[in-house]
Amino acid sequence: MKLDILAFGVHPDDVELGCSGTIMAAIAEGKKVGVVDLTQGELGTRGTAETRKKEAADAAKIMGISIRENLTMADGFFTNDETHLRKVITVIRKYQPEIILCNAPEDRHPDHGRSAKLVADAAFLSGLRKIETQFEGNNQEKWRPSYVFHYIQDRFIQPSFVIDISAYMSKKIEAVLAYSTQFYVSEVQLNEPQTYISSPQFLETVKARAMMLGKRIGVEYAEGFISEKVLGIRSFDAIVQNVT
């Protein structure tokens, strides 16, 4: 299956927090979108790899994505080496996305920045024909996505551009809350320790970030992305022309 957009998250729930509004907006436009989680989030304080797997499947249904895979890299201990690069190259060549979305290049969790570099490097190397990979016993063709965009996570990074997700903000929060072991769902909580992300205040910061970015382009909610490449537009009609 060829995808228009392939979103990577190092942990299940990264994509939901960082770019699920953009994903749902793209799907509404008829684009095919998939998600690849690098790890099972097995080092998370709350829940288990098994519960995260079910939660990821539930979130996938809410977002309406075409596929979701997990590369089962070691949470906290994966590295940017040939073995891990080849895993990412293989999945990029499998789905041949035009655009890749991936973790923030620098963030509170060290896995985020390490994942961002791993995926960006793999996206480039995937376009080299002398790097040979196989899928289901067949040699893969080289493939290099046109763009790699990094979504903003816990620490604020000045975005290169922002996308209006006003129509999808409530669904974004619904997708995040599919991870009931990780986030605050109700007063009745699991018998688990409280964490940085498990308080109701954390979800308010997710909404506040989206409101702040939305305000900058004159809409209610938005998600921000970082691009190392200069972006081009064919027409001024592509710009959100709101007075701010």
Foldseek 3Di string as FASTA:
>chain_A
DAFQEEEEEQELLQCLLFPLLVLLVVVVVVGAYEYEHAALCQPDQWDHSVLSVQLSVVLCVLSVHDYYYYNHDDVPDDALDDVLLLSLLVVCLVHQYQEYEAADCDDPDPVRNRGLVSNVVSLVVLQDQVDWDDDPRHTTGRHHHNFYKYWDDDDDDDFPDKDDSPVCPVSSVVSSCSSVRFAADDPDHDPGDDDPHHDPVNVVVSLVVQCVRCVVLVHRGITGIHTPDDDDDPDPVVGSPDDD
